[in-house]
Each structure stands twice: as structure tokens, then as C-alpha cells.
Amino acid sequence: MLVASASAAALFKLPESSSCANELFDVILMDVQMPLMNGFDATGAIIELEKSAGRAHTPIVAMTANALKGDRERCLEAGMDDYIAKLIRAEELFQIIERLAGNVVKEPTTRSV
């Protein structure tokens, strides 16, 4: 697991960047309201990077405190693959990750870049 403090920073952690050239991600958890670049813009940029690199799409899950009618649809229209409202329930998050990542089970490791 890699942790980015802002959506813009996440773009530099994708496999195309030199710091993570050999790492692949099963899923991206995208906070919609991040500083510098919101989750919608970051999602668009990630999708464009994937297309330009000829890579398969990495599923993106929107994470937001917004739970208003239409928020889920807005996230899906922006190219995100699923949506989860905060406060996050672990069971719901795990189900989404298992579905999107194809039931990949790995030992978790965390590092910040």
C-alpha cells in the first residue's frame, strides 16, 4: 500500500513514475476532496496516464463525506469504478476491494512516498 497526501502526489506514485516503476496496484482509494487536485481531476489524469501507457485500468474507488443524492453517479461518470461514503464501514470497503481487485489477497505493506 502506498499513501499519498494529495491527489496530485498520487499521480507520481503510479507505475509510470521512476519511484514505483515495478509496482502495480490492485485498486486506488481516491478521496474526492483532496488539496491541490480534487479526486475527479486526479481520476481523469490517472485514466489518461493509463491510456497513454497502454496499461490496463486500475479500479478507482471514490471515498467522500458527500452522501447526497447524485454523488455516487457523479463519481461513476468521472470514471471512478465505485463509491463509498465516509464514515467507512470496513466490511463494505473490503467487499468493494475484493470485487474490483478480483479477490487478490496479499500481505499488506504500507509506505509513504
N, C-alpha and C. Protein backbone atom coordinates (compact mmCIF):
# COMPACT_ATOMS: atom_id res chain seq x y z
N MET A 1 0.85 -1.16 0.00
CA MET A 1 0.00 0.00 0.00
C MET A 1 0.90 1.23 0.00
N LEU A 2 0.56 2.17 -0.85
CA LEU A 2 1.22 3.47 -0.85
C LEU A 2 0.21 4.51 -0.43
N VAL A 3 0.67 5.51 0.29
CA VAL A 3 -0.21 6.57 0.78
C VAL A 3 0.26 7.89 0.19
N ALA A 4 -0.66 8.64 -0.41
CA ALA A 4 -0.36 9.97 -0.94
C ALA A 4 -1.14 10.98 -0.12
N SER A 5 -0.51 12.09 0.19
CA SER A 5 -1.19 13.12 1.00
C SER A 5 -2.05 14.04 0.15
N ALA A 6 -1.93 13.98 -1.15
CA ALA A 6 -2.73 14.79 -2.05
C ALA A 6 -2.89 14.05 -3.37
N SER A 7 -4.00 14.30 -4.07
CA SER A 7 -4.25 13.62 -5.33
C SER A 7 -3.13 13.85 -6.33
N ALA A 8 -2.61 15.06 -6.37
CA ALA A 8 -1.53 15.35 -7.31
C ALA A 8 -0.31 14.48 -7.00
N ALA A 9 -0.04 14.27 -5.73
CA ALA A 9 1.09 13.42 -5.35
C ALA A 9 0.87 11.98 -5.78
N ALA A 10 -0.37 11.54 -5.78
CA ALA A 10 -0.69 10.17 -6.18
C ALA A 10 -0.29 9.90 -7.62
N LEU A 11 -0.38 10.90 -8.46
CA LEU A 11 -0.02 10.71 -9.87
C LEU A 11 1.43 10.32 -10.02
N PHE A 12 2.30 10.79 -9.14
CA PHE A 12 3.71 10.48 -9.22
C PHE A 12 4.03 9.13 -8.61
N LYS A 13 3.04 8.47 -8.03
CA LYS A 13 3.24 7.17 -7.42
C LYS A 13 2.77 6.04 -8.32
N LEU A 14 2.24 6.39 -9.47
CA LEU A 14 1.78 5.37 -10.41
C LEU A 14 2.98 4.67 -11.04
N PRO A 15 2.79 3.47 -11.55
CA PRO A 15 3.90 2.70 -12.11
C PRO A 15 4.71 3.40 -13.19
N GLU A 16 4.18 4.40 -13.87
CA GLU A 16 4.94 5.10 -14.89
C GLU A 16 6.05 5.95 -14.28
N SER A 17 5.93 6.29 -13.01
CA SER A 17 6.94 7.14 -12.39
C SER A 17 8.15 6.32 -11.99
N SER A 18 9.27 6.97 -11.87
CA SER A 18 10.50 6.26 -11.56
C SER A 18 10.49 5.66 -10.15
N SER A 19 9.78 6.28 -9.21
CA SER A 19 9.80 5.78 -7.83
C SER A 19 9.02 4.48 -7.66
N CYS A 20 8.11 4.16 -8.59
CA CYS A 20 7.27 2.97 -8.45
C CYS A 20 7.22 2.17 -9.75
N ALA A 21 8.28 2.20 -10.51
CA ALA A 21 8.26 1.61 -11.85
C ALA A 21 7.92 0.13 -11.85
N ASN A 22 8.23 -0.58 -10.77
CA ASN A 22 7.98 -2.03 -10.74
C ASN A 22 6.77 -2.41 -9.92
N GLU A 23 5.99 -1.43 -9.47
CA GLU A 23 4.84 -1.73 -8.63
C GLU A 23 3.55 -1.60 -9.42
N LEU A 24 2.64 -2.54 -9.18
CA LEU A 24 1.31 -2.48 -9.76
C LEU A 24 0.32 -2.37 -8.61
N PHE A 25 -0.81 -1.74 -8.87
CA PHE A 25 -1.80 -1.55 -7.83
C PHE A 25 -3.06 -2.32 -8.18
N ASP A 26 -3.69 -2.90 -7.18
CA ASP A 26 -4.94 -3.64 -7.38
C ASP A 26 -6.12 -2.70 -7.40
N VAL A 27 -6.05 -1.63 -6.63
CA VAL A 27 -7.15 -0.67 -6.54
C VAL A 27 -6.60 0.66 -6.00
N ILE A 28 -7.24 1.75 -6.40
CA ILE A 28 -6.88 3.08 -5.90
C ILE A 28 -8.06 3.60 -5.08
N LEU A 29 -7.80 4.00 -3.84
CA LEU A 29 -8.82 4.62 -2.99
C LEU A 29 -8.63 6.13 -3.13
N MET A 30 -9.59 6.79 -3.77
CA MET A 30 -9.45 8.20 -4.12
C MET A 30 -10.36 9.07 -3.26
N ASP A 31 -9.75 9.90 -2.42
CA ASP A 31 -10.52 10.88 -1.67
C ASP A 31 -10.96 11.96 -2.66
N VAL A 32 -12.23 12.23 -2.71
CA VAL A 32 -12.77 13.16 -3.70
C VAL A 32 -12.34 14.60 -3.39
N GLN A 33 -12.21 14.96 -2.11
CA GLN A 33 -11.90 16.33 -1.73
C GLN A 33 -10.48 16.44 -1.21
N MET A 34 -9.52 16.33 -2.12
CA MET A 34 -8.11 16.43 -1.76
C MET A 34 -7.60 17.83 -2.11
N PRO A 35 -6.52 18.26 -1.43
CA PRO A 35 -5.93 19.56 -1.77
C PRO A 35 -5.19 19.50 -3.11
N LEU A 36 -4.99 20.62 -3.71
CA LEU A 36 -4.25 20.81 -4.96
C LEU A 36 -5.00 20.31 -6.18
N MET A 37 -5.46 19.09 -6.15
CA MET A 37 -6.19 18.50 -7.28
C MET A 37 -7.27 17.61 -6.69
N ASN A 38 -8.53 17.88 -7.05
CA ASN A 38 -9.59 17.06 -6.47
C ASN A 38 -9.60 15.66 -7.07
N GLY A 39 -10.35 14.77 -6.47
CA GLY A 39 -10.38 13.38 -6.90
C GLY A 39 -10.92 13.19 -8.30
N PHE A 40 -11.79 14.08 -8.75
CA PHE A 40 -12.33 13.97 -10.10
C PHE A 40 -11.24 14.26 -11.13
N ASP A 41 -10.49 15.34 -10.90
CA ASP A 41 -9.40 15.68 -11.81
C ASP A 41 -8.29 14.63 -11.77
N ALA A 42 -7.98 14.14 -10.57
CA ALA A 42 -6.94 13.11 -10.44
C ALA A 42 -7.36 11.83 -11.15
N THR A 43 -8.63 11.46 -11.04
CA THR A 43 -9.12 10.26 -11.73
C THR A 43 -8.96 10.41 -13.23
N GLY A 44 -9.35 11.56 -13.77
CA GLY A 44 -9.19 11.81 -15.19
C GLY A 44 -7.73 11.71 -15.62
N ALA A 45 -6.84 12.27 -14.81
CA ALA A 45 -5.41 12.23 -15.13
C ALA A 45 -4.88 10.79 -15.09
N ILE A 46 -5.31 10.02 -14.11
CA ILE A 46 -4.88 8.63 -13.99
C ILE A 46 -5.35 7.83 -15.21
N ILE A 47 -6.60 8.01 -15.60
CA ILE A 47 -7.14 7.30 -16.76
C ILE A 47 -6.36 7.67 -18.02
N GLU A 48 -6.02 8.94 -18.17
CA GLU A 48 -5.23 9.37 -19.33
C GLU A 48 -3.83 8.76 -19.30
N LEU A 49 -3.19 8.71 -18.12
CA LEU A 49 -1.87 8.08 -17.99
C LEU A 49 -1.93 6.61 -18.38
N GLU A 50 -2.97 5.92 -17.92
CA GLU A 50 -3.13 4.50 -18.25
C GLU A 50 -3.28 4.32 -19.75
N LYS A 51 -4.11 5.13 -20.38
CA LYS A 51 -4.32 5.03 -21.82
C LYS A 51 -3.04 5.31 -22.59
N SER A 52 -2.33 6.36 -22.22
CA SER A 52 -1.12 6.73 -22.95
C SER A 52 -0.01 5.69 -22.78
N ALA A 53 -0.02 4.99 -21.65
CA ALA A 53 0.98 3.96 -21.40
C ALA A 53 0.53 2.59 -21.91
N GLY A 54 -0.71 2.50 -22.39
CA GLY A 54 -1.23 1.22 -22.87
C GLY A 54 -1.44 0.21 -21.75
N ARG A 55 -1.68 0.72 -20.55
CA ARG A 55 -1.87 -0.15 -19.39
C ARG A 55 -3.33 -0.44 -19.16
N ALA A 56 -3.60 -1.56 -18.53
CA ALA A 56 -4.96 -1.89 -18.10
C ALA A 56 -5.39 -0.89 -17.03
N HIS A 57 -6.68 -0.67 -16.94
CA HIS A 57 -7.23 0.26 -15.96
C HIS A 57 -7.13 -0.30 -14.55
N THR A 58 -6.66 0.53 -13.63
CA THR A 58 -6.67 0.20 -12.21
C THR A 58 -7.97 0.73 -11.63
N PRO A 59 -8.78 -0.13 -10.99
CA PRO A 59 -10.05 0.34 -10.43
C PRO A 59 -9.84 1.46 -9.42
N ILE A 60 -10.72 2.46 -9.48
CA ILE A 60 -10.65 3.62 -8.59
C ILE A 60 -11.95 3.68 -7.79
N VAL A 61 -11.81 3.74 -6.46
CA VAL A 61 -12.96 3.83 -5.56
C VAL A 61 -12.99 5.23 -4.97
N ALA A 62 -14.08 5.95 -5.21
CA ALA A 62 -14.26 7.27 -4.62
C ALA A 62 -14.55 7.13 -3.13
N MET A 63 -13.88 7.94 -2.33
CA MET A 63 -14.13 7.98 -0.89
C MET A 63 -14.47 9.43 -0.56
N THR A 64 -15.68 9.63 -0.02
CA THR A 64 -16.11 11.01 0.21
C THR A 64 -17.07 11.11 1.38
N ALA A 65 -17.05 12.26 2.02
CA ALA A 65 -18.03 12.54 3.07
C ALA A 65 -19.36 12.95 2.46
N ASN A 66 -19.36 13.25 1.16
CA ASN A 66 -20.61 13.60 0.48
C ASN A 66 -21.44 12.35 0.30
N ALA A 67 -22.64 12.37 0.82
CA ALA A 67 -23.54 11.23 0.67
C ALA A 67 -24.89 11.72 0.18
N LEU A 68 -24.85 12.74 -0.65
CA LEU A 68 -26.07 13.31 -1.17
C LEU A 68 -26.50 12.58 -2.44
N LYS A 69 -27.77 12.70 -2.75
CA LYS A 69 -28.29 12.08 -3.95
C LYS A 69 -27.52 12.62 -5.16
N GLY A 70 -27.06 11.74 -6.01
CA GLY A 70 -26.32 12.12 -7.20
C GLY A 70 -24.81 12.07 -7.05
N ASP A 71 -24.29 12.02 -5.81
CA ASP A 71 -22.84 11.98 -5.62
C ASP A 71 -22.23 10.71 -6.20
N ARG A 72 -22.87 9.58 -5.96
CA ARG A 72 -22.37 8.32 -6.50
C ARG A 72 -22.31 8.37 -8.03
N GLU A 73 -23.38 8.86 -8.63
CA GLU A 73 -23.45 8.95 -10.09
C GLU A 73 -22.37 9.87 -10.64
N ARG A 74 -22.14 10.98 -9.95
CA ARG A 74 -21.10 11.93 -10.38
C ARG A 74 -19.73 11.26 -10.36
N CYS A 75 -19.45 10.47 -9.34
CA CYS A 75 -18.17 9.76 -9.25
C CYS A 75 -18.03 8.74 -10.38
N LEU A 76 -19.09 7.99 -10.63
CA LEU A 76 -19.05 6.99 -11.69
C LEU A 76 -18.91 7.65 -13.06
N GLU A 77 -19.58 8.77 -13.28
CA GLU A 77 -19.47 9.49 -14.55
C GLU A 77 -18.06 10.03 -14.76
N ALA A 78 -17.35 10.32 -13.67
CA ALA A 78 -15.98 10.83 -13.75
C ALA A 78 -14.96 9.73 -14.05
N GLY A 79 -15.42 8.48 -14.08
CA GLY A 79 -14.52 7.37 -14.40
C GLY A 79 -14.14 6.51 -13.22
N MET A 80 -14.64 6.86 -12.04
CA MET A 80 -14.37 6.02 -10.88
C MET A 80 -15.23 4.76 -10.99
N ASP A 81 -14.75 3.67 -10.41
CA ASP A 81 -15.42 2.38 -10.57
C ASP A 81 -16.40 2.04 -9.48
N ASP A 82 -16.28 2.71 -8.34
CA ASP A 82 -17.23 2.51 -7.24
C ASP A 82 -17.12 3.71 -6.32
N TYR A 83 -17.93 3.69 -5.30
CA TYR A 83 -18.09 4.85 -4.41
C TYR A 83 -18.37 4.32 -3.01
N ILE A 84 -17.74 4.94 -2.02
CA ILE A 84 -18.04 4.61 -0.63
C ILE A 84 -18.08 5.92 0.15
N ALA A 85 -19.12 6.08 0.95
CA ALA A 85 -19.28 7.30 1.74
C ALA A 85 -18.61 7.12 3.10
N LYS A 86 -18.00 8.21 3.58
CA LYS A 86 -17.43 8.21 4.92
C LYS A 86 -18.58 8.45 5.90
N LEU A 87 -18.54 7.96 6.99
CA LEU A 87 -17.65 7.11 7.74
C LEU A 87 -17.69 5.72 7.10
N ILE A 88 -16.52 5.21 6.85
CA ILE A 88 -16.40 3.98 6.09
C ILE A 88 -16.56 2.77 7.00
N ARG A 89 -17.39 1.85 6.53
CA ARG A 89 -17.56 0.57 7.23
C ARG A 89 -16.60 -0.42 6.59
N ALA A 90 -15.75 -1.03 7.42
CA ALA A 90 -14.70 -1.91 6.92
C ALA A 90 -15.26 -3.03 6.04
N GLU A 91 -16.35 -3.64 6.45
CA GLU A 91 -16.92 -4.74 5.69
C GLU A 91 -17.31 -4.30 4.28
N GLU A 92 -17.92 -3.12 4.17
CA GLU A 92 -18.32 -2.61 2.86
C GLU A 92 -17.09 -2.32 1.99
N LEU A 93 -16.06 -1.70 2.58
CA LEU A 93 -14.83 -1.41 1.85
C LEU A 93 -14.17 -2.69 1.37
N PHE A 94 -14.07 -3.69 2.23
CA PHE A 94 -13.44 -4.96 1.84
C PHE A 94 -14.21 -5.63 0.70
N GLN A 95 -15.54 -5.56 0.74
CA GLN A 95 -16.34 -6.15 -0.34
C GLN A 95 -16.07 -5.46 -1.67
N ILE A 96 -15.98 -4.15 -1.65
CA ILE A 96 -15.70 -3.40 -2.87
C ILE A 96 -14.33 -3.76 -3.41
N ILE A 97 -13.33 -3.77 -2.54
CA ILE A 97 -11.97 -4.09 -2.96
C ILE A 97 -11.89 -5.51 -3.52
N GLU A 98 -12.49 -6.46 -2.85
CA GLU A 98 -12.47 -7.84 -3.35
C GLU A 98 -13.12 -7.95 -4.71
N ARG A 99 -14.24 -7.26 -4.91
CA ARG A 99 -14.94 -7.32 -6.19
C ARG A 99 -14.11 -6.68 -7.30
N LEU A 100 -13.55 -5.51 -7.04
CA LEU A 100 -12.82 -4.78 -8.07
C LEU A 100 -11.43 -5.34 -8.33
N ALA A 101 -10.79 -5.86 -7.29
CA ALA A 101 -9.42 -6.35 -7.44
C ALA A 101 -9.39 -7.83 -7.78
N GLY A 102 -10.53 -8.45 -7.99
CA GLY A 102 -10.54 -9.86 -8.37
C GLY A 102 -10.14 -10.80 -7.27
N ASN A 103 -10.52 -10.45 -6.04
CA ASN A 103 -10.23 -11.30 -4.88
C ASN A 103 -8.75 -11.54 -4.66
N VAL A 104 -7.93 -10.57 -4.99
CA VAL A 104 -6.49 -10.69 -4.77
C VAL A 104 -6.22 -10.56 -3.28
N VAL A 105 -5.50 -11.53 -2.73
CA VAL A 105 -5.14 -11.49 -1.31
C VAL A 105 -3.63 -11.42 -1.22
N LYS A 106 -3.13 -10.38 -0.58
CA LYS A 106 -1.69 -10.18 -0.42
C LYS A 106 -1.42 -9.73 1.00
N GLU A 107 -0.19 -9.92 1.43
CA GLU A 107 0.22 -9.38 2.72
C GLU A 107 0.28 -7.86 2.59
N PRO A 108 -0.41 -7.12 3.43
CA PRO A 108 -0.38 -5.66 3.30
C PRO A 108 0.95 -5.07 3.76
N THR A 109 1.43 -4.13 3.01
CA THR A 109 2.60 -3.34 3.40
C THR A 109 2.23 -1.89 3.15
N THR A 110 2.71 -1.02 4.00
CA THR A 110 2.39 0.39 3.87
C THR A 110 3.66 1.19 3.88
N ARG A 111 3.75 2.15 2.95
CA ARG A 111 4.84 3.10 2.99
C ARG A 111 4.37 4.39 2.37
N SER A 112 4.86 5.48 2.87
CA SER A 112 4.54 6.79 2.31
C SER A 112 5.70 7.24 1.46
N VAL A 113 5.37 7.89 0.34
CA VAL A 113 6.42 8.37 -0.55
C VAL A 113 6.34 9.86 -0.62
